[in-house]
């Protein structure tokens, strides 16, 4: 049996269940690490505005980032703010796409994704 979290049982009405802290913490957000002009490392999640961690090494910057991410997600949830979720971008060269035998199925699939 499959349970659809988008529907409430029995009522027939469609409702959205709140996604909690653990859900957002489990998402695989793209992380960017760069060395700053002063020699520090900055790890950041561009999708979460202001989510940056600074340290003397990339590993320490990632550790700092994790703490900032936790605090930021907790704050955003408390304030009822919308939290962006990571997305996947699929790029297919036109030459490869034109050679696909089942283009209609791929088009239907892509269009059916909410």
N, C-alpha and C. Protein backbone atom coordinates (compact mmCIF):
# COMPACT_ATOMS: atom_id res chain seq x y z
N UNK A 1 0.85 -1.17 0.00
CA UNK A 1 0.00 0.00 0.00
C UNK A 1 0.89 1.24 0.00
N UNK A 2 0.58 2.18 -0.86
CA UNK A 2 1.34 3.41 -0.95
C UNK A 2 0.56 4.52 -0.28
N UNK A 3 1.21 5.28 0.56
CA UNK A 3 0.57 6.41 1.23
C UNK A 3 1.07 7.68 0.58
N UNK A 4 0.14 8.51 0.16
CA UNK A 4 0.48 9.78 -0.46
C UNK A 4 0.44 10.86 0.61
N UNK A 5 1.59 11.45 0.98
CA UNK A 5 1.62 12.45 2.03
C UNK A 5 0.91 13.74 1.63
N UNK A 6 0.54 13.89 0.37
CA UNK A 6 -0.14 15.10 -0.09
C UNK A 6 -1.65 15.03 0.17
N UNK A 7 -2.18 13.85 0.52
CA UNK A 7 -3.63 13.71 0.73
C UNK A 7 -3.91 13.29 2.17
N UNK A 8 -4.99 13.81 2.70
CA UNK A 8 -5.40 13.36 4.03
C UNK A 8 -6.32 12.17 3.86
N UNK A 9 -6.23 11.21 4.73
CA UNK A 9 -7.06 10.01 4.66
C UNK A 9 -8.49 10.35 5.06
N UNK A 10 -9.43 9.80 4.31
CA UNK A 10 -10.82 9.91 4.70
C UNK A 10 -11.53 11.16 4.23
N UNK A 11 -10.92 12.30 4.28
CA UNK A 11 -11.62 13.54 3.98
C UNK A 11 -11.79 13.76 2.48
N UNK A 12 -10.92 13.16 1.66
CA UNK A 12 -11.00 13.38 0.23
C UNK A 12 -10.42 14.72 -0.18
N UNK A 13 -10.08 15.56 0.77
CA UNK A 13 -9.49 16.86 0.47
C UNK A 13 -7.98 16.73 0.39
N UNK A 14 -7.40 17.50 -0.49
CA UNK A 14 -5.95 17.48 -0.64
C UNK A 14 -5.34 18.51 0.31
N UNK A 15 -4.42 18.07 1.14
CA UNK A 15 -3.74 18.99 2.05
C UNK A 15 -2.24 18.76 1.94
N UNK A 16 -1.48 19.74 2.27
CA UNK A 16 -0.02 19.61 2.28
C UNK A 16 0.44 19.36 3.70
N UNK A 17 1.21 18.30 3.87
CA UNK A 17 1.78 18.04 5.19
C UNK A 17 3.02 18.91 5.32
N UNK A 18 3.25 19.41 6.51
CA UNK A 18 4.43 20.22 6.74
C UNK A 18 5.68 19.35 6.69
N UNK A 19 6.66 19.84 6.01
CA UNK A 19 7.95 19.16 5.98
C UNK A 19 8.74 19.69 7.16
N UNK A 20 9.29 18.79 7.93
CA UNK A 20 9.97 19.20 9.15
C UNK A 20 11.47 19.40 8.99
N UNK A 21 12.04 19.75 10.09
CA UNK A 21 13.47 20.04 10.21
C UNK A 21 14.32 18.90 9.68
N UNK A 22 14.02 17.67 10.06
CA UNK A 22 14.83 16.52 9.62
C UNK A 22 14.77 16.34 8.11
N UNK A 23 13.62 16.62 7.52
CA UNK A 23 13.49 16.51 6.07
C UNK A 23 14.46 17.46 5.38
N UNK A 24 14.42 18.73 5.75
CA UNK A 24 15.28 19.71 5.09
C UNK A 24 16.76 19.46 5.40
N UNK A 25 17.05 18.99 6.58
CA UNK A 25 18.43 18.70 6.94
C UNK A 25 18.98 17.54 6.12
N UNK A 26 18.11 16.64 5.69
CA UNK A 26 18.55 15.47 4.92
C UNK A 26 18.77 15.77 3.44
N UNK A 27 18.30 16.92 2.97
CA UNK A 27 18.44 17.24 1.55
C UNK A 27 19.90 17.51 1.19
N UNK A 28 20.25 17.15 -0.02
CA UNK A 28 21.62 17.29 -0.50
C UNK A 28 21.77 18.61 -1.26
N UNK A 29 21.98 19.69 -0.51
CA UNK A 29 22.15 21.01 -1.13
C UNK A 29 23.55 21.11 -1.74
N UNK A 30 23.65 21.70 -2.93
CA UNK A 30 24.98 21.92 -3.51
C UNK A 30 25.79 22.87 -2.62
N UNK A 31 27.04 22.50 -2.38
CA UNK A 31 27.92 23.31 -1.53
C UNK A 31 29.09 23.81 -2.37
N UNK A 32 29.42 25.06 -2.18
CA UNK A 32 30.54 25.68 -2.89
C UNK A 32 31.60 26.06 -1.85
N UNK A 33 32.85 25.68 -2.12
CA UNK A 33 33.95 26.03 -1.22
C UNK A 33 34.96 26.86 -2.01
N UNK A 34 35.35 27.97 -1.41
CA UNK A 34 36.36 28.81 -2.05
C UNK A 34 37.30 29.38 -1.00
N UNK A 35 38.47 29.74 -1.45
CA UNK A 35 39.45 30.36 -0.57
C UNK A 35 39.29 31.87 -0.68
N UNK A 36 39.19 32.52 0.46
CA UNK A 36 39.00 33.97 0.48
C UNK A 36 40.35 34.68 0.35
N UNK A 37 40.31 35.99 0.12
CA UNK A 37 41.54 36.77 -0.04
C UNK A 37 42.45 36.71 1.18
N UNK A 38 41.85 36.55 2.35
CA UNK A 38 42.66 36.51 3.58
C UNK A 38 43.14 35.10 3.93
N UNK A 39 42.96 34.13 3.01
CA UNK A 39 43.46 32.78 3.22
C UNK A 39 42.51 31.84 3.92
N UNK A 40 41.36 32.33 4.33
CA UNK A 40 40.36 31.46 4.97
C UNK A 40 39.61 30.70 3.87
N UNK A 41 38.86 29.69 4.30
CA UNK A 41 37.99 28.96 3.39
C UNK A 41 36.54 29.28 3.73
N UNK A 42 35.75 29.44 2.70
CA UNK A 42 34.32 29.72 2.87
C UNK A 42 33.54 28.61 2.19
N UNK A 43 32.71 27.92 2.95
CA UNK A 43 31.79 26.92 2.41
C UNK A 43 30.41 27.54 2.46
N UNK A 44 29.68 27.46 1.35
CA UNK A 44 28.37 28.11 1.32
C UNK A 44 27.34 27.27 0.56
N UNK A 45 26.09 27.52 0.90
CA UNK A 45 24.95 26.93 0.19
C UNK A 45 24.19 28.10 -0.41
N UNK A 46 24.35 28.31 -1.70
CA UNK A 46 23.75 29.47 -2.37
C UNK A 46 22.23 29.47 -2.26
N UNK A 47 21.62 28.30 -2.23
CA UNK A 47 20.15 28.23 -2.17
C UNK A 47 19.59 28.70 -0.84
N UNK A 48 20.43 28.70 0.19
CA UNK A 48 20.01 29.15 1.52
C UNK A 48 20.76 30.44 1.83
N UNK A 49 20.12 31.54 1.54
CA UNK A 49 20.75 32.85 1.67
C UNK A 49 21.40 33.05 3.04
N UNK A 50 22.68 33.42 3.02
CA UNK A 50 23.41 33.67 4.25
C UNK A 50 24.00 32.43 4.90
N UNK A 51 23.83 31.29 4.28
CA UNK A 51 24.33 30.03 4.86
C UNK A 51 25.78 29.84 4.45
N UNK A 52 26.70 30.31 5.31
CA UNK A 52 28.13 30.24 5.03
C UNK A 52 28.89 29.86 6.29
N UNK A 53 29.96 29.11 6.09
CA UNK A 53 30.84 28.76 7.19
C UNK A 53 32.27 29.08 6.81
N UNK A 54 33.00 29.72 7.70
CA UNK A 54 34.38 30.13 7.44
C UNK A 54 35.32 29.41 8.40
N UNK A 55 36.49 29.01 7.88
CA UNK A 55 37.48 28.35 8.74
C UNK A 55 38.83 28.32 8.03
N UNK A 56 39.84 27.76 8.71
CA UNK A 56 41.20 27.70 8.19
C UNK A 56 41.42 26.57 7.19
N UNK A 57 40.50 25.61 7.13
CA UNK A 57 40.63 24.51 6.17
C UNK A 57 39.26 24.21 5.56
N UNK A 58 39.25 23.57 4.40
CA UNK A 58 37.96 23.22 3.79
C UNK A 58 37.10 22.33 4.70
N UNK A 59 37.72 21.37 5.37
CA UNK A 59 36.98 20.46 6.24
C UNK A 59 36.34 21.21 7.41
N UNK A 60 37.10 22.13 7.99
CA UNK A 60 36.56 22.92 9.10
C UNK A 60 35.45 23.86 8.61
N UNK A 61 35.60 24.40 7.41
CA UNK A 61 34.58 25.28 6.85
C UNK A 61 33.28 24.49 6.63
N UNK A 62 33.38 23.24 6.18
CA UNK A 62 32.20 22.40 6.01
C UNK A 62 31.52 22.12 7.35
N UNK A 63 32.34 21.91 8.37
CA UNK A 63 31.81 21.67 9.71
C UNK A 63 31.07 22.91 10.22
N UNK A 64 31.65 24.07 10.02
CA UNK A 64 31.01 25.33 10.41
C UNK A 64 29.71 25.52 9.63
N UNK A 65 29.76 25.22 8.34
CA UNK A 65 28.58 25.36 7.48
C UNK A 65 27.43 24.50 8.00
N UNK A 66 27.72 23.30 8.43
CA UNK A 66 26.68 22.40 8.94
C UNK A 66 25.97 23.04 10.14
N UNK A 67 26.73 23.65 11.04
CA UNK A 67 26.13 24.31 12.20
C UNK A 67 25.26 25.49 11.79
N UNK A 68 25.72 26.27 10.83
CA UNK A 68 24.95 27.41 10.33
C UNK A 68 23.69 26.92 9.64
N UNK A 69 23.80 25.86 8.86
CA UNK A 69 22.65 25.29 8.16
C UNK A 69 21.58 24.85 9.15
N UNK A 70 21.98 24.18 10.21
CA UNK A 70 21.04 23.72 11.24
C UNK A 70 20.30 24.91 11.85
N UNK A 71 21.05 25.93 12.25
CA UNK A 71 20.44 27.11 12.87
C UNK A 71 19.51 27.84 11.90
N UNK A 72 19.96 27.97 10.66
CA UNK A 72 19.16 28.68 9.66
C UNK A 72 17.85 27.95 9.36
N UNK A 73 17.91 26.63 9.21
CA UNK A 73 16.70 25.85 8.94
C UNK A 73 15.72 25.94 10.11
N UNK A 74 16.23 25.85 11.33
CA UNK A 74 15.37 25.97 12.51
C UNK A 74 14.67 27.33 12.52
N UNK A 75 15.42 28.39 12.25
CA UNK A 75 14.87 29.74 12.25
C UNK A 75 13.82 29.92 11.14
N UNK A 76 14.14 29.44 9.96
CA UNK A 76 13.20 29.57 8.84
C UNK A 76 11.90 28.82 9.12
N UNK A 77 11.99 27.64 9.71
CA UNK A 77 10.79 26.87 10.04
C UNK A 77 9.98 27.58 11.12
N UNK A 78 10.65 28.10 12.14
CA UNK A 78 9.96 28.83 13.21
C UNK A 78 9.21 30.03 12.65
N UNK A 79 9.81 30.72 11.70
CA UNK A 79 9.22 31.92 11.13
C UNK A 79 8.25 31.63 9.99
N UNK A 80 8.09 30.35 9.64
CA UNK A 80 7.17 29.96 8.59
C UNK A 80 7.62 30.37 7.20
N UNK A 81 8.91 30.57 7.04
CA UNK A 81 9.44 30.97 5.73
C UNK A 81 9.54 29.77 4.80
N UNK A 82 9.44 30.04 3.51
CA UNK A 82 9.59 29.00 2.51
C UNK A 82 11.06 28.60 2.41
N UNK A 83 11.32 27.32 2.47
CA UNK A 83 12.68 26.82 2.37
C UNK A 83 12.84 26.18 0.99
N UNK A 84 13.78 26.70 0.19
CA UNK A 84 13.97 26.12 -1.15
C UNK A 84 14.56 24.71 -1.06
N UNK A 85 14.18 23.88 -2.02
CA UNK A 85 14.70 22.52 -2.08
C UNK A 85 15.61 22.41 -3.30
N UNK A 86 16.66 21.60 -3.19
CA UNK A 86 17.56 21.41 -4.33
C UNK A 86 16.81 20.82 -5.52
N UNK A 87 17.24 21.18 -6.70
CA UNK A 87 16.65 20.65 -7.93
C UNK A 87 17.75 20.04 -8.78
N UNK A 88 17.33 19.27 -9.75
CA UNK A 88 18.27 18.65 -10.69
C UNK A 88 18.01 19.27 -12.05
N UNK A 89 19.05 19.66 -12.71
CA UNK A 89 18.92 20.22 -14.06
C UNK A 89 19.46 19.18 -15.04
N UNK A 90 18.61 18.81 -15.97
CA UNK A 90 18.98 17.82 -16.96
C UNK A 90 19.26 18.52 -18.27
N UNK A 91 20.45 18.36 -18.77
CA UNK A 91 20.81 18.95 -20.05
C UNK A 91 21.16 17.84 -21.03
N UNK A 92 20.48 17.86 -22.18
CA UNK A 92 20.71 16.88 -23.22
C UNK A 92 21.05 17.64 -24.49
N UNK A 93 22.20 17.40 -25.08
CA UNK A 93 22.52 18.09 -26.34
C UNK A 93 21.43 17.81 -27.39
N UNK A 94 21.09 18.83 -28.17
CA UNK A 94 20.05 18.70 -29.19
C UNK A 94 20.35 17.53 -30.12
N UNK A 95 21.61 17.36 -30.46
CA UNK A 95 21.96 16.25 -31.37
C UNK A 95 21.61 14.90 -30.76
N UNK A 96 21.84 14.72 -29.46
CA UNK A 96 21.49 13.47 -28.79
C UNK A 96 19.98 13.33 -28.64
N UNK A 97 19.32 14.43 -28.30
CA UNK A 97 17.87 14.40 -28.12
C UNK A 97 17.17 14.01 -29.42
N UNK A 98 17.65 14.54 -30.53
CA UNK A 98 17.01 14.25 -31.82
C UNK A 98 17.17 12.77 -32.21
N UNK A 99 18.18 12.09 -31.65
CA UNK A 99 18.38 10.67 -31.94
C UNK A 99 17.58 9.74 -31.03
N UNK A 100 16.96 10.29 -29.98
CA UNK A 100 16.18 9.45 -29.07
C UNK A 100 14.98 8.87 -29.80
N UNK A 101 14.74 7.59 -29.63
CA UNK A 101 13.60 6.95 -30.28
C UNK A 101 12.30 7.26 -29.54
N UNK A 102 12.41 7.43 -28.24
CA UNK A 102 11.21 7.58 -27.42
C UNK A 102 11.10 8.99 -26.87
N UNK A 103 11.22 9.99 -27.71
CA UNK A 103 11.16 11.40 -27.28
C UNK A 103 9.82 11.75 -26.65
N UNK A 104 8.74 11.20 -27.17
CA UNK A 104 7.42 11.53 -26.62
C UNK A 104 7.31 11.13 -25.16
N UNK A 105 7.83 9.95 -24.82
CA UNK A 105 7.78 9.51 -23.43
C UNK A 105 8.59 10.42 -22.54
N UNK A 106 9.76 10.83 -23.00
CA UNK A 106 10.60 11.74 -22.23
C UNK A 106 9.89 13.08 -22.07
N UNK A 107 9.30 13.59 -23.13
CA UNK A 107 8.57 14.87 -23.04
C UNK A 107 7.41 14.78 -22.06
N UNK A 108 6.64 13.68 -22.12
CA UNK A 108 5.51 13.51 -21.20
C UNK A 108 6.02 13.43 -19.77
N UNK A 109 7.11 12.71 -19.56
CA UNK A 109 7.66 12.57 -18.21
C UNK A 109 8.08 13.92 -17.65
N UNK A 110 8.81 14.69 -18.42
CA UNK A 110 9.29 16.00 -17.96
C UNK A 110 8.11 16.94 -17.70
N UNK A 111 7.11 16.92 -18.56
CA UNK A 111 5.95 17.80 -18.38
C UNK A 111 5.09 17.38 -17.22
N UNK A 112 5.12 16.11 -16.83
CA UNK A 112 4.26 15.63 -15.74
C UNK A 112 4.85 15.90 -14.37
N UNK A 113 6.09 16.29 -14.29
CA UNK A 113 6.73 16.56 -13.00
C UNK A 113 6.22 17.91 -12.49
N UNK A 114 5.66 17.94 -11.27
CA UNK A 114 5.12 19.22 -10.75
C UNK A 114 6.19 20.26 -10.51
